Amino acid sequence: MADSTEETKEWVLDPETEYRFELDPDTTLAIKIIRGSAEVFGAELSEGVTHLFGSECKAAVYTWQGCTLQIRRPSTEYVSDETPMAAYMNLHLAFEQMRVRALQSTYDDPVHADEVAGVPDGPPRVLVLGPENAGKTTACKILMNYAVRTGQGWTLMFVSVDPSEGGWTVPGTVSACPMKMPIPTQSPANPLGSTVTSAPTALSSGALLPLVYWYGHAEVRQNPLLMDRLIRNLGENVNSRHLGDSLGNCSGVIIDTPSSFATGIAAAPSDKKYALVKACVDAFQTHSLILMTVNVILIIGHEKLNVEMQRIFGASMSVVKVPKSGGVVDLDHAYRERVHGYQIHHYMYGTHFSPPPGLVAAGTSGDESVDASDARLSPVSTAVGFDDLAIYRIGGESIAPSSALPIGATRAVSELQPVQVDPGARGSGLLNAVLALLAPLHPDENERYDEEVLDLAVSAFLVVTAVDMSNRKLTILMPGPGPVAGRTAIVGSFEWQDQ
């Protein structure tokens, strides 16, 4: 390492090493590749362009062949040559074989047996499991980015069933999105890229149109029955899409899961402990001309879980364990809470990073090229009447575990029962609440059913910023203009205040 100024440093990275950094709150890091090539979680960085990172981002710049980086304003930084990237590259090559084989089968092109030895049948449908702070989402991003960078036109389906992650929108969701472009990493506020509602449509990332369902909580254990149902809704939609899209089907699916899937449901019988893992396997399974089923379970750094999955699924699919990266940071509850705030703020207001001192902002005159880090949005604040918007809470105000109920007693409200919320009632809990605005109900009333709201996708997210009891109105913040009257929304446990 050689210092050039107090604000700028240079790091010379040897082949197959990575520069790791962790940012403090309210700081921005600038990285520029002077020589060579490098990537962040599989997404290649452009040489000669300054890339900005913010919102307490924690990431790593990896190089296969060596490079020189110019760094401005780092917080915590170091270089390591102990990485799991070779293992991820081997997985990518194996999955690429599976994609090619599946595409050949689609066109009845025979494949020689010696070309497919040891590779599972069908396109890669990968379920990623691991404990907390294992790097599961990072592993998914690396495998996705390597696939789309091959130039073969693959459109992989990225499925996130981790409600604490945020996915493409806000925390509390489960979602799926076909990916044709690499997933950038600049901030934990948009870990999987931006949607058309949270980025200017001129940006390539603005083309993302995920299918989103609202779970409403950060913890899976809060309502596992609802999580099971939403997983099956996602699986049904993904399978239906792939039945009519042979290239998308051959590209494969990668499913990111929360850490609670790895630990199983506490105090559950042995055959029910990994019920949500089995729900994922069952949900993403269908039969057509090409077999579509989860055929690989990827375990990140958990020996016991690897043994358990081998015992349960080893006879029907490949269970592969890869090491946990030494660069994974243990994230505490306070950090996760701040990231949830960043994600909701990003959804409403977009992203803007102030460049470090001495660096010109994007779009201004100067001799330095800075990547697009200014994608600010203008949300809309509007007032709606209490009766204009039907708001539901799934399972009532709170759900006590069955073990906490008196002997012989049953719940008055089930975990899957939508309970309408009266905004005018004392303690409604709507002030600062995040609402999921649902797609319209079925136009034919004869086709509607009591739990229909559980199966409706989300069209937008709202935040209640004020409750006017005297005039019976809610003031809501929306990402853009649009009709709200007559619509249905669901409230969960997330709250956010605009600061």
Protein backbone atom coordinates (compact mmCIF):
# COMPACT_ATOMS: atom_id res chain seq x y z
CA MET A 1 0.00 0.00 0.00
CA ALA A 2 1.28 3.47 -0.85
CA ASP A 3 -0.19 6.76 0.41
CA SER A 4 -0.67 9.48 -2.20
CA THR A 5 -2.55 12.01 -0.02
CA GLU A 6 -4.31 11.98 3.30
CA GLU A 7 -7.62 11.45 1.51
CA THR A 8 -6.49 8.95 -1.15
CA LYS A 9 -4.81 5.58 -0.85
CA GLU A 10 -3.75 2.97 -3.33
CA TRP A 11 -4.01 -0.75 -2.80
CA VAL A 12 -2.21 -3.18 -5.09
CA LEU A 13 -4.10 -6.49 -5.01
CA ASP A 14 -2.47 -9.76 -5.97
CA PRO A 15 -4.45 -12.29 -8.06
CA GLU A 16 -7.29 -14.04 -6.18
CA THR A 17 -7.36 -11.61 -3.27
CA GLU A 18 -10.00 -9.16 -2.13
CA TYR A 19 -10.15 -5.73 -0.55
CA ARG A 20 -12.76 -5.70 2.22
CA PHE A 21 -14.35 -2.59 3.68
CA GLU A 22 -16.97 -1.59 6.24
CA LEU A 23 -18.45 1.90 6.31
CA ASP A 24 -19.50 3.94 9.32
CA PRO A 25 -22.84 5.82 9.32
CA ASP A 26 -22.96 8.98 7.19
CA THR A 27 -19.77 8.17 5.29
CA THR A 28 -19.18 7.55 1.60
CA LEU A 29 -16.40 5.44 0.10
CA ALA A 30 -15.02 5.99 -3.41
CA ILE A 31 -13.19 3.20 -5.26
CA LYS A 32 -11.52 3.55 -8.64
CA ILE A 33 -9.73 0.79 -10.58
CA ILE A 34 -6.53 2.24 -11.98
CA ARG A 35 -5.17 -0.97 -13.51
CA GLY A 36 -6.54 -4.46 -13.95
CA SER A 37 -10.03 -5.80 -13.35
CA ALA A 38 -12.13 -6.45 -10.25
CA GLU A 39 -15.66 -7.22 -9.15
CA VAL A 40 -17.97 -6.73 -6.18
CA PHE A 41 -19.96 -9.89 -5.41
CA GLY A 42 -19.67 -11.01 -9.01
CA ALA A 43 -20.60 -7.66 -10.61
CA GLU A 44 -17.68 -6.25 -12.60
CA LEU A 45 -16.44 -2.73 -11.84
CA SER A 46 -15.56 -0.46 -14.74
CA GLU A 47 -11.92 0.56 -15.02
CA GLY A 48 -11.24 4.27 -14.69
CA VAL A 49 -14.65 5.03 -13.18
CA THR A 50 -15.06 6.05 -9.54
CA HIS A 51 -17.63 3.86 -7.79
CA LEU A 52 -19.39 5.19 -4.68
CA PHE A 53 -20.61 3.17 -1.70
CA GLY A 54 -22.65 4.39 1.26
CA SER A 55 -25.35 3.67 3.89
CA GLU A 56 -22.98 1.58 6.05
CA CYS A 57 -22.17 -0.74 3.15
CA LYS A 58 -20.02 -3.77 3.96
CA ALA A 59 -18.58 -5.45 0.88
CA ALA A 60 -15.45 -6.76 -0.84
CA VAL A 61 -13.69 -6.01 -4.12
CA TYR A 62 -12.30 -9.27 -5.54
CA THR A 63 -9.80 -9.67 -8.37
CA TRP A 64 -8.96 -12.84 -10.26
CA GLN A 65 -5.89 -11.48 -12.07
CA GLY A 66 -4.73 -8.62 -9.84
CA CYS A 67 -5.47 -4.90 -9.91
CA THR A 68 -4.65 -1.50 -8.39
CA LEU A 69 -7.38 0.35 -6.52
CA GLN A 70 -7.53 4.00 -5.58
CA ILE A 71 -9.53 4.50 -2.37
CA ARG A 72 -11.00 7.67 -0.87
CA ARG A 73 -12.34 7.94 2.70
CA PRO A 74 -12.42 4.32 3.90
CA SER A 75 -13.67 3.42 7.40
CA THR A 76 -12.49 -0.14 8.11
CA GLU A 77 -10.41 -1.81 5.41
CA TYR A 78 -8.03 -4.74 4.85
CA VAL A 79 -6.96 -7.24 2.19
CA SER A 80 -7.38 -11.01 2.43
CA ASP A 81 -6.29 -13.93 0.27
CA GLU A 82 -8.59 -16.41 2.05
CA THR A 83 -11.83 -16.33 0.10
CA PRO A 84 -14.42 -18.91 -1.05
CA MET A 85 -14.46 -17.49 -4.59
CA ALA A 86 -12.86 -20.59 -6.15
CA ALA A 87 -15.67 -22.70 -4.70
CA TYR A 88 -18.29 -20.31 -6.09
CA MET A 89 -16.65 -20.38 -9.52
CA ASN A 90 -16.75 -24.19 -9.49
CA LEU A 91 -20.44 -24.06 -8.59
CA HIS A 92 -21.06 -21.57 -11.39
CA LEU A 93 -19.38 -23.85 -13.93
CA ALA A 94 -21.45 -26.83 -12.76
CA PHE A 95 -24.67 -24.79 -12.96
CA GLU A 96 -23.69 -23.57 -16.42
CA GLN A 97 -23.42 -27.20 -17.53
CA MET A 98 -26.90 -27.82 -16.18
CA ARG A 99 -28.30 -24.85 -18.10
CA VAL A 100 -26.69 -25.95 -21.35
CA ARG A 101 -27.95 -29.52 -20.90
CA ALA A 102 -31.47 -28.29 -20.18
CA LEU A 103 -31.42 -26.07 -23.28
CA GLN A 104 -30.16 -28.96 -25.38
CA SER A 105 -32.95 -31.17 -24.07
CA THR A 106 -35.48 -28.51 -25.00
CA TYR A 107 -34.40 -28.77 -28.63
CA ASP A 108 -33.95 -32.56 -28.49
CA ASP A 109 -30.19 -32.23 -28.91
CA PRO A 110 -28.60 -35.40 -27.48
CA VAL A 111 -25.99 -34.95 -24.75
CA HIS A 112 -23.15 -37.42 -24.35
CA ALA A 113 -22.93 -39.20 -21.02
CA ASP A 114 -19.30 -38.22 -20.45
CA GLU A 115 -20.28 -34.55 -20.59
CA VAL A 116 -22.74 -34.75 -17.70
CA ALA A 117 -21.11 -37.02 -15.16
CA GLY A 118 -21.82 -35.88 -11.60
CA VAL A 119 -24.12 -33.02 -12.67
CA PRO A 120 -27.78 -33.10 -11.48
CA ASP A 121 -30.61 -33.38 -13.99
CA GLY A 122 -32.65 -30.37 -15.09
CA PRO A 123 -31.87 -26.67 -14.95
CA PRO A 124 -30.30 -25.44 -11.70
CA ARG A 125 -32.91 -24.73 -9.04
CA VAL A 126 -30.79 -23.87 -6.03
CA LEU A 127 -32.00 -23.46 -2.45
CA VAL A 128 -29.44 -21.57 -0.33
CA LEU A 129 -29.41 -22.29 3.43
CA GLY A 130 -27.18 -21.23 6.28
CA PRO A 131 -27.08 -19.68 9.76
CA GLU A 132 -27.30 -15.99 10.59
CA ASN A 133 -24.45 -13.83 9.23
CA ALA A 134 -23.24 -16.59 6.88
CA GLY A 135 -23.28 -14.61 3.62
CA LYS A 136 -26.23 -16.36 1.95
CA THR A 137 -27.45 -13.32 0.00
CA THR A 138 -23.89 -12.57 -1.10
CA ALA A 139 -23.50 -16.14 -2.39
CA CYS A 140 -26.76 -15.79 -4.32
CA LYS A 141 -25.61 -12.50 -5.88
CA ILE A 142 -22.26 -13.97 -6.92
CA LEU A 143 -23.87 -16.96 -8.63
CA MET A 144 -26.50 -14.75 -10.31
CA ASN A 145 -23.94 -12.24 -11.55
CA TYR A 146 -21.61 -14.89 -12.93
CA ALA A 147 -24.50 -16.43 -14.87
CA VAL A 148 -25.72 -13.20 -16.48
CA ARG A 149 -22.12 -12.21 -17.32
CA THR A 150 -21.61 -15.28 -19.52
CA GLY A 151 -23.29 -13.52 -22.43
CA GLN A 152 -25.59 -16.49 -23.15
CA GLY A 153 -28.79 -14.53 -22.61
CA TRP A 154 -29.78 -16.36 -19.43
CA THR A 155 -32.66 -14.88 -17.42
CA LEU A 156 -32.32 -16.33 -13.94
CA MET A 157 -35.14 -16.12 -11.45
CA PHE A 158 -33.96 -14.74 -8.11
CA VAL A 159 -36.35 -15.62 -5.29
CA SER A 160 -35.98 -14.01 -1.85
CA VAL A 161 -38.00 -15.52 1.00
CA ASP A 162 -36.04 -13.66 3.67
CA PRO A 163 -38.42 -10.97 5.00
CA SER A 164 -35.62 -9.24 6.91
CA GLU A 165 -33.57 -8.67 3.75
CA GLY A 166 -35.83 -6.23 1.92
CA GLY A 167 -35.25 -7.67 -1.53
CA TRP A 168 -36.12 -5.15 -4.23
CA THR A 169 -38.58 -3.05 -2.24
CA VAL A 170 -38.93 -2.85 1.56
CA PRO A 171 -38.32 -5.26 4.45
CA GLY A 172 -41.15 -7.60 5.37
CA THR A 173 -41.60 -8.97 1.85
CA VAL A 174 -41.01 -12.17 -0.08
CA SER A 175 -40.43 -11.68 -3.77
CA ALA A 176 -39.20 -13.04 -7.08
CA CYS A 177 -37.69 -11.30 -10.09
CA PRO A 178 -36.14 -12.41 -13.41
CA MET A 179 -32.61 -11.03 -13.69
CA LYS A 180 -30.90 -10.22 -16.99
CA MET A 181 -28.36 -7.68 -15.73
CA PRO A 182 -25.72 -7.95 -12.99
CA ILE A 183 -26.84 -6.98 -9.49
CA PRO A 184 -24.84 -3.96 -8.29
CA THR A 185 -23.76 -3.42 -4.71
CA GLN A 186 -23.52 0.17 -3.52
CA SER A 187 -25.66 0.20 -0.43
CA PRO A 188 -27.65 -2.20 1.80
CA ALA A 189 -30.64 0.04 1.05
CA ASN A 190 -31.12 -1.77 -2.28
CA PRO A 191 -29.31 -5.12 -1.90
CA LEU A 192 -30.80 -6.67 -5.04
CA GLY A 193 -31.18 -3.63 -7.26
CA SER A 194 -33.97 -1.09 -7.75
CA THR A 195 -37.45 -1.43 -9.20
CA VAL A 196 -39.31 0.90 -11.55
CA THR A 197 -40.93 2.51 -8.50
CA SER A 198 -37.63 3.27 -6.78
CA ALA A 199 -35.30 4.27 -9.63
CA PRO A 200 -35.49 6.50 -12.71
CA THR A 201 -36.69 4.44 -15.66
CA ALA A 202 -33.69 5.64 -17.65
CA LEU A 203 -31.48 3.41 -15.50
CA SER A 204 -31.11 -0.23 -16.53
CA SER A 205 -31.97 -1.28 -12.98
CA GLY A 206 -35.27 0.51 -13.35
CA ALA A 207 -36.48 -2.27 -15.64
CA LEU A 208 -36.84 -4.68 -12.71
CA LEU A 209 -40.43 -5.74 -12.08
CA PRO A 210 -40.47 -8.14 -9.14
CA LEU A 211 -43.46 -10.10 -7.95
CA VAL A 212 -43.86 -9.10 -4.30
CA TYR A 213 -45.95 -10.49 -1.45
CA TRP A 214 -46.28 -8.80 1.93
CA TYR A 215 -45.41 -10.85 5.00
CA GLY A 216 -45.19 -7.78 7.20
CA HIS A 217 -42.63 -8.89 9.82
CA ALA A 218 -38.87 -9.35 10.02
CA GLU A 219 -39.00 -12.71 11.83
CA VAL A 220 -40.36 -15.86 10.21
CA ARG A 221 -41.41 -17.30 13.57
CA GLN A 222 -43.97 -14.52 13.95
CA ASN A 223 -46.33 -16.28 11.51
CA PRO A 224 -44.84 -19.41 9.89
CA LEU A 225 -48.21 -20.46 8.41
CA LEU A 226 -48.42 -17.20 6.48
CA MET A 227 -44.82 -17.61 5.32
CA ASP A 228 -45.63 -21.13 4.08
CA ARG A 229 -48.57 -19.81 2.07
CA LEU A 230 -46.61 -16.95 0.51
CA ILE A 231 -43.79 -19.30 -0.49
CA ARG A 232 -46.28 -21.51 -2.26
CA ASN A 233 -47.79 -18.46 -4.01
CA LEU A 234 -44.33 -17.49 -5.26
CA GLY A 235 -43.62 -21.03 -6.43
CA GLU A 236 -46.89 -21.25 -8.32
CA ASN A 237 -46.21 -17.98 -10.15
CA VAL A 238 -42.58 -18.81 -10.96
CA ASN A 239 -43.51 -22.26 -12.27
CA SER A 240 -46.32 -20.83 -14.39
CA ARG A 241 -43.97 -18.28 -15.92
CA HIS A 242 -41.36 -20.91 -16.73
CA LEU A 243 -43.88 -23.21 -18.41
CA GLY A 244 -44.20 -20.56 -21.13
CA ASP A 245 -40.54 -19.45 -21.14
CA SER A 246 -38.14 -22.22 -22.09
CA LEU A 247 -35.03 -20.03 -21.91
CA GLY A 248 -36.01 -18.67 -18.51
CA ASN A 249 -36.73 -22.19 -17.30
CA CYS A 250 -33.34 -23.43 -18.52
CA SER A 251 -31.64 -20.45 -16.84
CA GLY A 252 -32.70 -21.71 -13.42
CA VAL A 253 -33.82 -20.37 -10.05
CA ILE A 254 -31.82 -19.30 -6.98
CA ILE A 255 -33.74 -19.10 -3.69
CA ASP A 256 -32.36 -17.02 -0.81
CA THR A 257 -33.64 -17.97 2.65
CA PRO A 258 -33.54 -16.52 6.19
CA SER A 259 -31.38 -18.05 8.91
CA SER A 260 -34.46 -19.45 10.69
CA PHE A 261 -34.84 -21.99 7.87
CA ALA A 262 -31.47 -23.44 8.91
CA THR A 263 -32.29 -23.71 12.60
CA GLY A 264 -35.74 -25.14 12.00
CA ILE A 265 -38.89 -24.47 14.00
CA ALA A 266 -38.14 -24.67 17.71
CA ALA A 267 -39.89 -27.39 19.73
CA ALA A 268 -41.38 -28.88 16.56
CA PRO A 269 -41.45 -32.65 15.98
CA SER A 270 -38.50 -33.96 14.01
CA ASP A 271 -40.63 -34.42 10.88
CA LYS A 272 -41.84 -30.79 11.12
CA LYS A 273 -38.60 -29.08 12.15
CA TYR A 274 -37.63 -28.09 8.60
CA ALA A 275 -41.20 -27.56 7.41
CA LEU A 276 -40.40 -24.30 5.60
CA VAL A 277 -37.42 -25.86 3.80
CA LYS A 278 -39.74 -28.60 2.60
CA ALA A 279 -42.29 -25.95 1.63
CA CYS A 280 -39.69 -24.34 -0.66
CA VAL A 281 -38.84 -27.70 -2.22
CA ASP A 282 -42.52 -28.51 -2.78
CA ALA A 283 -43.46 -25.03 -4.01
CA PHE A 284 -40.82 -24.84 -6.75
CA GLN A 285 -41.62 -28.23 -8.21
CA THR A 286 -43.62 -29.04 -11.30
CA HIS A 287 -43.43 -31.46 -14.19
CA SER A 288 -43.32 -30.52 -17.85
CA LEU A 289 -41.19 -31.42 -20.84
CA ILE A 290 -38.23 -30.39 -18.66
CA LEU A 291 -38.25 -31.38 -15.01
CA MET A 292 -38.58 -28.28 -12.81
CA THR A 293 -37.73 -28.97 -9.18
CA VAL A 294 -35.22 -27.87 -6.54
CA ASN A 295 -32.25 -30.08 -7.37
CA VAL A 296 -29.42 -28.44 -5.39
CA ILE A 297 -29.33 -27.38 -1.74
CA LEU A 298 -26.38 -25.11 -1.05
CA ILE A 299 -25.26 -24.97 2.59
CA ILE A 300 -23.13 -21.99 3.65
CA GLY A 301 -20.72 -22.87 6.47
CA HIS A 302 -22.86 -25.13 8.69
CA GLU A 303 -21.70 -28.72 9.18
CA LYS A 304 -24.68 -29.94 11.22
CA LEU A 305 -27.19 -28.48 8.76
CA ASN A 306 -25.30 -30.16 5.93
CA VAL A 307 -25.69 -33.53 7.67
CA GLU A 308 -29.39 -32.92 8.31
CA MET A 309 -30.10 -31.94 4.71
CA GLN A 310 -28.13 -34.92 3.43
CA ARG A 311 -30.29 -37.18 5.60
CA ILE A 312 -33.59 -35.62 4.48
CA PHE A 313 -32.92 -34.70 0.84
CA GLY A 314 -29.68 -36.44 -0.12
CA ALA A 315 -31.43 -39.24 -1.99
CA SER A 316 -33.39 -36.90 -4.27
CA MET A 317 -31.04 -33.96 -4.88
CA SER A 318 -27.47 -32.72 -4.47
CA VAL A 319 -26.56 -31.17 -1.12
CA VAL A 320 -23.39 -29.08 -1.38
CA LYS A 321 -21.55 -27.33 1.45
CA VAL A 322 -19.28 -24.35 0.80
CA PRO A 323 -17.17 -22.50 3.39
CA LYS A 324 -18.27 -19.27 4.99
CA SER A 325 -16.19 -16.30 3.92
CA GLY A 326 -13.93 -14.79 6.58
CA GLY A 327 -15.12 -11.38 5.40
CA VAL A 328 -18.70 -11.90 6.60
CA VAL A 329 -19.54 -9.33 9.27
CA ASP A 330 -21.65 -10.18 12.32
CA LEU A 331 -24.57 -7.76 12.15
CA ASP A 332 -26.27 -6.70 15.37
CA HIS A 333 -29.93 -5.81 15.83
CA ALA A 334 -29.30 -2.05 15.82
CA TYR A 335 -27.54 -2.24 12.45
CA ARG A 336 -30.38 -4.28 10.95
CA GLU A 337 -32.91 -1.73 12.22
CA ARG A 338 -30.95 1.10 10.57
CA VAL A 339 -30.76 -0.84 7.31
CA HIS A 340 -34.53 -1.35 7.34
CA GLY A 341 -34.86 2.43 7.64
CA TYR A 342 -32.43 2.92 4.74
CA GLN A 343 -34.46 0.53 2.59
CA ILE A 344 -37.79 2.24 3.18
CA HIS A 345 -36.20 5.67 2.65
CA HIS A 346 -34.62 4.40 -0.61
CA TYR A 347 -37.99 3.08 -1.78
CA MET A 348 -39.60 6.48 -1.27
CA TYR A 349 -36.80 8.93 -2.00
CA GLY A 350 -34.27 7.02 -4.09
CA THR A 351 -30.53 7.14 -3.49
CA HIS A 352 -28.02 9.95 -3.24
CA PHE A 353 -24.41 9.64 -2.08
CA SER A 354 -22.40 12.78 -1.44
CA PRO A 355 -18.92 12.18 -2.91
CA PRO A 356 -15.94 12.38 -0.54
CA PRO A 357 -14.06 15.71 -0.41
CA GLY A 358 -12.12 16.43 -3.59
CA LEU A 359 -14.43 14.36 -5.78
CA VAL A 360 -16.94 15.98 -8.13
CA ALA A 361 -20.56 14.87 -8.02
CA ALA A 362 -22.06 12.86 -10.83
CA GLY A 363 -23.29 15.01 -13.70
CA THR A 364 -21.09 18.01 -12.88
CA SER A 365 -18.06 19.25 -14.71
CA GLY A 366 -14.72 17.81 -13.72
CA ASP A 367 -11.98 15.51 -14.87
CA GLU A 368 -13.21 12.53 -12.86
CA SER A 369 -15.82 10.04 -14.05
CA VAL A 370 -18.20 9.05 -11.23
CA ASP A 371 -20.75 6.26 -11.50
CA ALA A 372 -24.48 7.00 -11.27
CA SER A 373 -25.12 7.48 -7.56
CA ASP A 374 -27.77 10.19 -7.72
CA ALA A 375 -31.20 8.65 -8.26
CA ARG A 376 -33.40 10.89 -6.15
CA LEU A 377 -37.19 10.54 -6.27
CA SER A 378 -40.11 12.71 -5.21
CA PRO A 379 -42.80 10.78 -3.34
CA VAL A 380 -46.37 12.04 -3.07
CA SER A 381 -48.22 12.87 0.15
CA THR A 382 -52.00 12.64 0.00
CA ALA A 383 -54.99 12.40 2.35
CA VAL A 384 -57.57 9.61 2.17
CA GLY A 385 -60.69 9.04 4.19
CA PHE A 386 -60.91 6.30 6.79
CA ASP A 387 -63.52 4.55 4.63
CA ASP A 388 -61.65 4.95 1.33
CA LEU A 389 -58.99 2.37 2.09
CA ALA A 390 -59.74 -1.09 3.51
CA ILE A 391 -56.85 -1.98 5.83
CA TYR A 392 -56.31 -5.49 7.18
CA ARG A 393 -53.98 -7.06 9.71
CA ILE A 394 -53.27 -10.75 9.25
CA GLY A 395 -53.94 -12.77 12.39
CA GLY A 396 -55.19 -9.90 14.49
CA GLU A 397 -53.17 -7.62 16.75
CA SER A 398 -50.97 -10.37 18.13
CA ILE A 399 -50.83 -14.14 17.94
CA ALA A 400 -50.00 -16.14 21.06
CA PRO A 401 -48.34 -19.53 20.53
CA SER A 402 -50.59 -22.55 21.00
CA SER A 403 -48.59 -23.55 24.08
CA ALA A 404 -49.57 -20.28 25.78
CA LEU A 405 -53.32 -20.88 25.45
CA PRO A 406 -55.36 -22.41 28.27
CA ILE A 407 -55.89 -26.17 28.07
CA GLY A 408 -58.67 -26.92 25.64
CA ALA A 409 -58.84 -23.33 24.38
CA THR A 410 -58.65 -22.37 20.72
CA ARG A 411 -57.76 -19.09 19.10
CA ALA A 412 -60.53 -16.68 18.23
CA VAL A 413 -58.41 -15.46 15.32
CA SER A 414 -56.28 -17.82 13.24
CA GLU A 415 -52.81 -16.99 11.95
CA LEU A 416 -54.19 -16.64 8.42
CA GLN A 417 -57.38 -14.71 9.15
CA PRO A 418 -57.48 -11.16 7.77
CA VAL A 419 -58.88 -8.80 10.41
CA GLN A 420 -60.01 -5.37 9.23
CA VAL A 421 -58.48 -2.45 11.09
CA ASP A 422 -60.60 0.54 12.10
CA PRO A 423 -58.37 3.63 11.66
CA GLY A 424 -60.61 5.55 14.07
CA ALA A 425 -60.25 3.03 16.89
CA ARG A 426 -58.00 3.86 19.80
CA GLY A 427 -54.71 1.96 19.48
CA SER A 428 -55.16 1.07 15.81
CA GLY A 429 -51.38 1.28 15.43
CA LEU A 430 -51.51 2.94 12.00
CA LEU A 431 -49.44 6.07 12.70
CA ASN A 432 -46.04 5.65 10.95
CA ALA A 433 -47.05 2.14 9.84
CA VAL A 434 -45.90 0.71 6.51
CA LEU A 435 -48.86 -0.49 4.41
CA ALA A 436 -48.77 -2.84 1.45
CA LEU A 437 -51.22 -1.66 -1.21
CA LEU A 438 -52.54 -4.83 -2.87
CA ALA A 439 -53.52 -5.58 -6.42
CA PRO A 440 -57.28 -5.20 -6.99
CA LEU A 441 -59.61 -7.91 -5.75
CA HIS A 442 -61.19 -10.27 -8.28
CA PRO A 443 -63.72 -8.28 -10.34
CA ASP A 444 -66.30 -11.08 -10.04
CA GLU A 445 -67.63 -11.09 -6.49
CA ASN A 446 -68.63 -14.75 -6.89
CA GLU A 447 -64.94 -15.63 -7.31
CA ARG A 448 -63.82 -13.90 -4.11
CA TYR A 449 -63.06 -15.75 -0.89
CA ASP A 450 -62.36 -14.85 2.74
CA GLU A 451 -58.57 -15.09 2.56
CA GLU A 452 -58.13 -13.61 -0.93
CA VAL A 453 -55.98 -10.77 0.41
CA LEU A 454 -53.31 -13.35 1.36
CA ASP A 455 -52.85 -14.31 -2.27
CA LEU A 456 -52.77 -10.83 -3.82
CA ALA A 457 -49.44 -9.37 -4.90
CA VAL A 458 -48.32 -5.91 -3.76
CA SER A 459 -48.61 -3.01 -6.19
CA ALA A 460 -46.99 -0.35 -3.98
CA PHE A 461 -46.02 0.49 -0.40
CA LEU A 462 -47.42 3.38 1.61
CA VAL A 463 -46.49 4.98 4.93
CA VAL A 464 -49.12 6.56 7.19
CA THR A 465 -47.61 9.89 8.27
CA ALA A 466 -50.63 11.34 10.11
CA VAL A 467 -54.00 10.27 11.51
CA ASP A 468 -56.66 13.01 11.69
CA MET A 469 -59.39 11.67 13.99
CA SER A 470 -61.61 14.75 13.80
CA ASN A 471 -61.81 14.73 9.99
CA ARG A 472 -61.46 10.92 9.71
CA LYS A 473 -58.54 11.10 7.31
CA LEU A 474 -55.16 9.39 6.92
CA THR A 475 -52.19 11.20 5.40
CA ILE A 476 -50.11 8.72 3.45
CA LEU A 477 -46.76 8.92 1.67
CA MET A 478 -46.67 7.16 -1.71
CA PRO A 479 -43.78 6.59 -4.18
CA GLY A 480 -45.86 8.16 -6.95
CA PRO A 481 -49.34 9.42 -7.80
CA GLY A 482 -52.16 6.93 -8.20
CA PRO A 483 -55.67 6.06 -7.04
CA VAL A 484 -56.03 4.69 -3.51
CA ALA A 485 -59.76 4.99 -2.85
CA GLY A 486 -61.51 1.64 -2.96
CA ARG A 487 -58.25 -0.31 -2.66
CA THR A 488 -57.14 -2.84 -0.06
CA ALA A 489 -53.98 -2.69 2.06
CA ILE A 490 -52.31 -4.84 4.73
CA VAL A 491 -50.44 -3.52 7.76
CA GLY A 492 -47.65 -5.47 9.45
CA SER A 493 -45.24 -4.67 12.25
CA PHE A 494 -42.93 -2.27 10.37
CA GLU A 495 -42.96 1.44 11.15
CA TRP A 496 -40.97 4.28 9.62
CA GLN A 497 -40.68 8.01 10.28
CA ASP A 498 -39.59 10.43 7.57
CA GLN A 499 -36.60 12.36 8.89
